[in-house]
Protein backbone atom coordinates (compact mmCIF):
# COMPACT_ATOMS: atom_id res chain seq x y z
CA MET A 1 45.16 18.28 -49.99
CA GLY A 2 47.74 18.65 -47.19
CA SER A 3 46.10 18.62 -43.72
CA LEU A 4 48.15 17.47 -40.73
CA ALA A 5 47.05 16.12 -37.42
CA LEU A 6 49.35 15.45 -34.49
CA THR A 7 47.90 13.66 -31.47
CA ALA A 8 49.88 13.33 -28.16
CA ILE A 9 53.27 13.30 -29.99
CA ARG A 10 56.24 12.59 -27.71
CA LYS A 11 59.93 12.31 -28.71
CA SER A 12 62.62 11.22 -26.32
CA PHE A 13 66.36 10.69 -26.82
CA GLY A 14 67.21 8.40 -24.04
CA VAL A 15 65.97 9.93 -20.74
CA THR A 16 65.52 13.30 -22.24
CA ASP A 17 62.04 14.38 -23.43
CA VAL A 18 62.36 16.70 -26.43
CA LEU A 19 58.62 16.77 -27.39
CA LYS A 20 56.00 16.45 -24.73
CA ASN A 21 52.48 15.55 -25.79
CA VAL A 22 52.26 17.78 -28.70
CA GLU A 23 48.84 18.36 -30.18
CA LEU A 24 48.26 20.28 -33.30
CA GLU A 25 46.03 20.50 -36.37
CA VAL A 26 47.00 22.17 -39.57
CA LYS A 27 44.24 22.69 -42.25
CA THR A 28 44.77 22.26 -45.97
CA GLY A 29 46.47 25.43 -47.55
CA GLU A 30 47.64 26.99 -44.32
CA PHE A 31 51.03 28.54 -43.75
CA VAL A 32 52.12 27.43 -40.24
CA VAL A 33 55.25 28.75 -38.58
CA PHE A 34 56.90 27.04 -35.66
CA VAL A 35 58.88 29.55 -33.49
CA GLY A 36 60.83 29.42 -30.18
CA PRO A 37 64.29 29.67 -28.81
CA SER A 38 67.08 27.37 -29.68
CA GLY A 39 66.48 23.82 -28.20
CA CYS A 40 62.65 24.27 -27.92
CA GLY A 41 61.99 21.19 -30.15
CA LYS A 42 60.69 22.98 -33.25
CA SER A 43 63.19 21.32 -35.64
CA THR A 44 62.71 17.99 -34.04
CA LEU A 45 58.92 18.26 -34.46
CA LEU A 46 59.52 19.12 -38.19
CA ARG A 47 61.72 15.99 -38.57
CA VAL A 48 59.02 13.93 -36.93
CA ILE A 49 56.46 15.22 -39.49
CA ALA A 50 58.85 14.43 -42.28
CA GLY A 51 59.60 11.00 -40.95
CA LEU A 52 63.35 11.70 -40.61
CA ASP A 53 62.80 10.97 -36.86
CA GLU A 54 60.20 8.56 -35.51
CA GLN A 55 58.10 9.81 -32.60
CA THR A 56 58.40 7.90 -29.42
CA SER A 57 54.65 7.85 -28.98
CA GLY A 58 51.58 9.38 -30.37
CA ASP A 59 49.84 9.44 -33.83
CA LEU A 60 50.67 11.63 -36.97
CA ARG A 61 48.22 11.80 -39.78
CA ILE A 62 48.59 13.61 -43.18
CA ASP A 63 45.38 13.88 -45.18
CA GLY A 64 43.74 11.62 -42.60
CA ARG A 65 46.10 8.76 -43.27
CA LEU A 66 48.18 7.45 -40.32
CA MET A 67 51.86 7.95 -41.04
CA ASN A 68 53.42 6.19 -37.99
CA GLY A 69 56.39 4.25 -39.38
CA VAL A 70 55.86 5.36 -42.87
CA PRO A 71 59.23 6.32 -44.61
CA PRO A 72 59.73 10.05 -45.70
CA ALA A 73 59.52 9.16 -49.45
CA LYS A 74 55.97 7.80 -49.07
CA ARG A 75 54.63 10.67 -46.93
CA GLY A 76 53.89 13.07 -49.84
CA ILE A 77 56.11 15.78 -48.35
CA ALA A 78 58.99 17.91 -49.69
CA MET A 79 61.65 19.54 -47.39
CA VAL A 80 63.71 22.58 -47.80
CA PHE A 81 66.73 22.56 -45.38
CA GLN A 82 68.92 25.24 -43.82
CA SER A 83 71.77 24.10 -46.01
CA TYR A 84 70.85 24.08 -49.76
CA ALA A 85 72.16 20.45 -50.26
CA LEU A 86 72.64 20.79 -53.91
CA TYR A 87 74.76 18.47 -55.91
CA PRO A 88 77.76 20.56 -57.15
CA HIS A 89 78.44 18.53 -60.31
CA LEU A 90 74.72 18.89 -61.55
CA THR A 91 73.14 21.78 -63.24
CA VAL A 92 70.17 23.70 -61.76
CA ALA A 93 67.82 21.82 -63.96
CA LYS A 94 69.30 18.35 -62.98
CA ASN A 95 69.26 19.32 -59.28
CA MET A 96 65.52 20.11 -59.55
CA SER A 97 64.61 17.12 -61.54
CA LEU A 98 66.76 14.42 -59.89
CA ALA A 99 64.08 13.07 -57.48
CA LEU A 100 61.56 12.88 -60.28
CA SER A 101 63.99 10.93 -62.47
CA GLN A 102 64.69 8.50 -59.60
CA GLU A 103 60.86 8.05 -59.16
CA GLY A 104 60.59 7.16 -62.84
CA VAL A 105 58.46 10.24 -63.88
CA ALA A 106 58.31 10.52 -67.71
CA ALA A 107 60.84 12.94 -69.33
CA ALA A 108 58.19 15.21 -70.77
CA GLU A 109 56.47 15.58 -67.35
CA ILE A 110 59.71 16.31 -65.73
CA GLU A 111 60.52 19.05 -68.23
CA LEU A 112 57.06 20.50 -67.77
CA ARG A 113 57.33 20.63 -63.92
CA VAL A 114 60.88 22.06 -63.98
CA LYS A 115 59.76 24.80 -66.41
CA LYS A 116 56.80 25.79 -64.29
CA ALA A 117 58.83 25.92 -61.11
CA SER A 118 61.68 27.88 -62.78
CA ASP A 119 59.21 30.47 -64.13
CA MET A 120 57.68 30.86 -60.65
CA LEU A 121 61.09 31.34 -59.00
CA ARG A 122 62.77 33.31 -61.97
CA LEU A 123 65.35 30.63 -62.56
CA GLU A 124 64.80 30.28 -66.36
CA ALA A 125 68.26 31.87 -67.15
CA LEU A 126 70.05 29.71 -64.54
CA LEU A 127 69.02 26.20 -65.55
CA GLY A 128 72.25 25.37 -67.21
CA ARG A 129 74.39 26.71 -64.33
CA ARG A 130 75.99 24.72 -61.56
CA PRO A 131 75.63 25.69 -57.87
CA ALA A 132 79.06 27.26 -57.66
CA GLU A 133 77.99 29.78 -60.25
CA LEU A 134 75.08 30.89 -58.17
CA SER A 135 74.58 33.40 -55.34
CA GLY A 136 73.29 32.24 -51.99
CA GLY A 137 69.73 33.55 -52.68
CA GLN A 138 69.76 31.65 -56.14
CA ARG A 139 70.93 28.43 -54.51
CA GLN A 140 68.03 28.75 -52.00
CA ARG A 141 65.50 29.28 -54.86
CA VAL A 142 66.84 26.20 -56.51
CA ALA A 143 66.31 24.27 -53.23
CA ILE A 144 62.72 25.48 -53.12
CA GLY A 145 62.22 24.67 -56.77
CA ARG A 146 63.36 21.02 -56.15
CA ALA A 147 60.61 20.81 -53.63
CA ILE A 148 58.02 22.30 -55.93
CA VAL A 149 58.46 19.89 -58.74
CA ARG A 150 57.61 16.98 -56.45
CA GLN A 151 54.04 18.46 -56.08
CA PRO A 152 53.94 17.42 -52.36
CA SER A 153 51.01 17.49 -49.92
CA LEU A 154 53.13 19.32 -47.43
CA PHE A 155 56.11 21.64 -47.84
CA LEU A 156 58.38 21.61 -44.85
CA PHE A 157 60.92 24.61 -44.42
CA ASP A 158 63.72 24.18 -41.71
CA GLU A 159 65.12 27.72 -41.11
CA PRO A 160 65.69 28.19 -44.88
CA LEU A 161 66.76 31.85 -44.73
CA SER A 162 69.35 31.63 -41.97
CA ASN A 163 72.38 31.45 -44.26
CA LEU A 164 71.37 34.54 -46.24
CA ASP A 165 72.28 38.15 -45.53
CA ALA A 166 69.65 40.72 -44.29
CA ALA A 167 68.72 41.94 -47.68
CA LEU A 168 68.43 38.51 -49.26
CA ARG A 169 66.39 37.33 -46.34
CA VAL A 170 63.72 39.95 -46.96
CA GLY A 171 63.54 39.38 -50.58
CA THR A 172 63.40 35.57 -50.33
CA ARG A 173 60.73 35.83 -47.47
CA ILE A 174 58.50 37.79 -49.97
CA GLU A 175 59.11 35.18 -52.68
CA ILE A 176 58.06 32.40 -50.24
CA ALA A 177 54.91 34.32 -49.27
CA LYS A 178 54.07 34.86 -52.98
CA LEU A 179 54.84 31.15 -53.77
CA HIS A 180 52.33 30.18 -50.98
CA ARG A 181 49.66 32.32 -52.59
CA GLN A 182 50.37 30.89 -56.06
CA LEU A 183 50.39 27.23 -55.08
CA GLY A 184 47.77 27.30 -52.41
CA ALA A 185 49.80 24.59 -50.75
CA THR A 186 50.13 23.70 -47.07
CA MET A 187 53.44 24.96 -45.66
CA ILE A 188 55.05 24.42 -42.30
CA TYR A 189 58.09 26.60 -41.64
CA VAL A 190 60.55 26.52 -38.77
CA THR A 191 62.39 29.74 -37.54
CA HIS A 192 63.73 31.25 -34.47
CA ASP A 193 63.16 34.70 -35.99
CA GLN A 194 59.76 36.03 -34.75
CA VAL A 195 59.78 38.78 -37.52
CA GLU A 196 59.67 36.07 -40.20
CA ALA A 197 56.95 34.35 -38.25
CA MET A 198 54.79 37.50 -37.93
CA THR A 199 55.18 38.30 -41.68
CA LEU A 200 54.69 34.95 -43.22
CA ALA A 201 52.33 32.97 -41.09
CA ASP A 202 48.63 32.35 -41.18
CA LYS A 203 49.10 30.64 -37.91
CA ILE A 204 51.99 30.76 -35.47
CA VAL A 205 52.96 27.82 -32.99
CA VAL A 206 55.06 29.12 -30.19
CA MET A 207 57.21 26.40 -28.53
CA ARG A 208 59.20 26.21 -25.40
CA GLY A 209 60.90 23.16 -23.81
CA GLY A 210 59.09 20.59 -26.18
CA VAL A 211 55.67 22.18 -25.28
CA ILE A 212 53.32 24.32 -27.48
CA GLU A 213 52.76 27.44 -25.44
CA GLN A 214 50.15 29.05 -27.75
CA VAL A 215 48.78 28.76 -31.23
CA GLY A 216 47.01 31.59 -33.08
CA ARG A 217 47.23 34.13 -35.83
CA PRO A 218 50.16 36.63 -35.65
CA LEU A 219 48.30 39.53 -34.37
CA GLU A 220 46.28 37.51 -31.89
CA LEU A 221 49.53 36.47 -30.32
CA TYR A 222 50.77 39.97 -30.29
CA ALA A 223 47.60 41.42 -28.82
CA ARG A 224 46.49 38.54 -26.52
CA PRO A 225 49.56 36.49 -25.36
CA ALA A 226 48.55 33.55 -23.23
CA ASN A 227 51.58 33.82 -20.86
CA LEU A 228 54.66 35.75 -20.00
CA PHE A 229 56.80 33.72 -22.33
CA VAL A 230 54.77 34.28 -25.44
CA ALA A 231 54.38 38.00 -24.55
CA GLY A 232 58.20 38.41 -24.39
CA PHE A 233 58.90 36.32 -27.49
CA ILE A 234 56.39 38.00 -29.88
CA GLY A 235 57.16 41.52 -30.65
CA SER A 236 60.29 43.39 -31.54
CA PRO A 237 61.83 44.94 -29.50
CA ALA A 238 60.69 42.68 -26.74
CA MET A 239 58.06 43.56 -24.17
CA ASN A 240 59.08 45.40 -20.97
CA PHE A 241 58.33 43.53 -17.72
CA VAL A 242 57.86 45.07 -14.25
CA SER A 243 57.22 43.12 -11.02
CA GLY A 244 57.26 43.93 -7.29
CA ALA A 245 55.22 46.72 -5.79
CA ILE A 246 54.34 48.36 -9.08
CA ALA A 247 52.87 45.12 -10.46
CA ALA A 248 51.10 44.41 -7.15
CA ARG A 249 49.23 47.75 -7.44
CA ALA A 250 47.78 46.39 -10.73
CA ASN A 251 46.76 43.15 -8.93
CA ALA A 252 49.48 41.09 -10.79
CA ALA A 253 52.69 39.34 -10.12
CA THR A 254 54.17 40.93 -13.28
CA ILE A 255 52.94 43.63 -15.62
CA GLY A 256 54.13 44.06 -19.21
CA VAL A 257 54.31 47.04 -21.63
CA ARG A 258 55.44 47.03 -25.21
CA PRO A 259 58.10 49.64 -26.10
CA GLU A 260 55.72 51.21 -28.64
CA HIS A 261 53.07 51.62 -25.95
CA LEU A 262 55.43 53.78 -23.61
CA THR A 263 54.89 57.61 -23.92
CA VAL A 264 58.07 59.56 -23.29
CA ALA A 265 57.74 62.89 -21.63
CA LYS A 266 59.51 65.06 -19.09
CA ASP A 267 57.11 63.91 -16.31
CA GLY A 268 55.82 60.35 -16.28
CA ALA A 269 54.86 57.46 -14.08
CA TRP A 270 58.42 56.04 -14.08
CA THR A 271 61.47 58.33 -14.24
CA GLY A 272 64.81 57.22 -15.39
CA THR A 273 68.04 57.93 -17.21
CA VAL A 274 68.68 57.34 -20.95
CA SER A 275 71.48 54.92 -21.16
CA HIS A 276 71.48 54.41 -24.94
CA ALA A 277 69.61 55.84 -27.95
CA GLU A 278 69.28 54.06 -31.35
CA HIS A 279 68.38 56.32 -34.24
CA LEU A 280 66.98 54.03 -36.98
CA GLY A 281 65.34 56.66 -39.14
CA ALA A 282 61.67 55.56 -39.06
CA ASP A 283 61.96 54.86 -35.26
CA THR A 284 64.10 55.74 -32.33
CA MET A 285 64.73 53.30 -29.53
CA LEU A 286 65.44 54.67 -26.04
CA TYR A 287 66.92 52.44 -23.35
CA VAL A 288 66.07 54.00 -19.95
CA GLU A 289 67.45 52.88 -16.67
CA VAL A 290 64.61 53.24 -14.12
CA PRO A 291 65.51 52.95 -10.33
CA GLU A 292 63.96 49.83 -8.75
CA ILE A 293 62.66 48.65 -12.14
CA GLY A 294 65.79 48.25 -14.25
CA MET A 295 66.15 48.83 -18.06
CA LEU A 296 63.12 49.65 -20.13
CA THR A 297 62.81 50.19 -23.93
CA ALA A 298 60.71 52.87 -25.38
CA ARG A 299 59.98 53.06 -29.10
CA ILE A 300 59.42 56.58 -30.49
CA HIS A 301 58.04 56.98 -33.97
CA GLY A 302 60.44 59.04 -36.16
CA ASP A 303 63.91 60.29 -35.75
CA ASP A 304 63.88 61.64 -32.14
CA ARG A 305 66.74 64.05 -31.31
CA GLN A 306 65.16 65.49 -28.09
CA HIS A 307 66.52 62.76 -25.79
CA GLU A 308 70.21 62.02 -25.53
CA VAL A 309 72.30 59.71 -23.34
CA GLY A 310 72.34 60.93 -19.73
CA ASP A 311 69.00 62.84 -20.03
CA THR A 312 66.33 62.21 -17.45
CA VAL A 313 62.89 61.24 -18.95
CA GLY A 314 59.56 60.05 -17.78
CA LEU A 315 57.89 56.99 -19.15
CA THR A 316 54.05 56.36 -18.99
CA PRO A 317 52.20 53.32 -20.30
CA ARG A 318 49.30 54.17 -22.57
CA ASP A 319 45.72 53.55 -21.24
CA GLY A 320 44.64 49.95 -21.86
CA LYS A 321 48.08 48.73 -22.96
CA ILE A 322 49.25 47.14 -19.82
CA TYR A 323 49.44 43.31 -19.88
CA ARG A 324 49.00 41.55 -16.39
CA PHE A 325 50.41 38.13 -15.43
CA ASP A 326 49.89 35.98 -12.37
CA ARG A 327 52.45 34.10 -10.32
CA ASP A 328 52.21 31.10 -12.71
CA GLU A 329 53.20 33.55 -15.51
CA LYS A 330 49.64 33.18 -17.10
CA ALA A 331 47.93 36.22 -18.56
CA ILE A 332 45.20 37.83 -16.41
CA ALA A 333 42.14 38.76 -18.41
CA ALA A 334 41.44 42.49 -18.55
């Protein structure tokens, strides 16, 4: 089990509304990622689900049971925080099993659960070590193992990879995805990194200003963003936006083109000057300053050496790859 239903959830701190009538349903076994800029309310929503903060109004149900006012320990959840929150004087095994000991679980059952979790996370050789003897990635795996042994209905992750370097982030991200497949558990994951969201999620929840802007599968949000904000947030590098007379000719207030959907040639619909080029090996990013439009980003497959800073280039959107938005920033159907 592990379904979640949020109905008209509001959270206010004084006169400040942080969550505004949030409605969301998470099915058993789904991996759901909350994304959005800093201050959008995603971590607050996770804390409300965990019971660490109580909602101002609205109903929260886990597995169909109303959880309003129920303390965190009785919600059947386990949370992995941004900080590892490990006890420095305890071994890995003791850190993983402490909550079970406090709950009165039998010693044999504790040993079985710790062994199973350590096998999954490749921690068997580290069970006798203390946190100071571990790397950052190993500490994060211990924090995840501590959650696994509790066998919760819901796993809650609050930006668990933000303290890791780039290489460890990728490796740990893969481990979390494998863990989800192994356990078949319901996971809710908060991040500001849309690459993490795109690679991990069954379903992405995009938030802004305490409101859910769009919910959908990763490629649905990429291909069919509901509004200007989602279009600009999902996708890396970000979508290019053009307004004014050019957008008006497309019967829109704003048009958007993703960098990978711009064709670079000598002649093009929009002509500009290359102001910067990033050679990344597999791709090349060209930043082109176009008069009356501004800076546009074009993504070229492969290591492009034809275009250098100061060159004049033409940019043309590919057929069928222009997104249109109205004055209210909502997407206009094709």
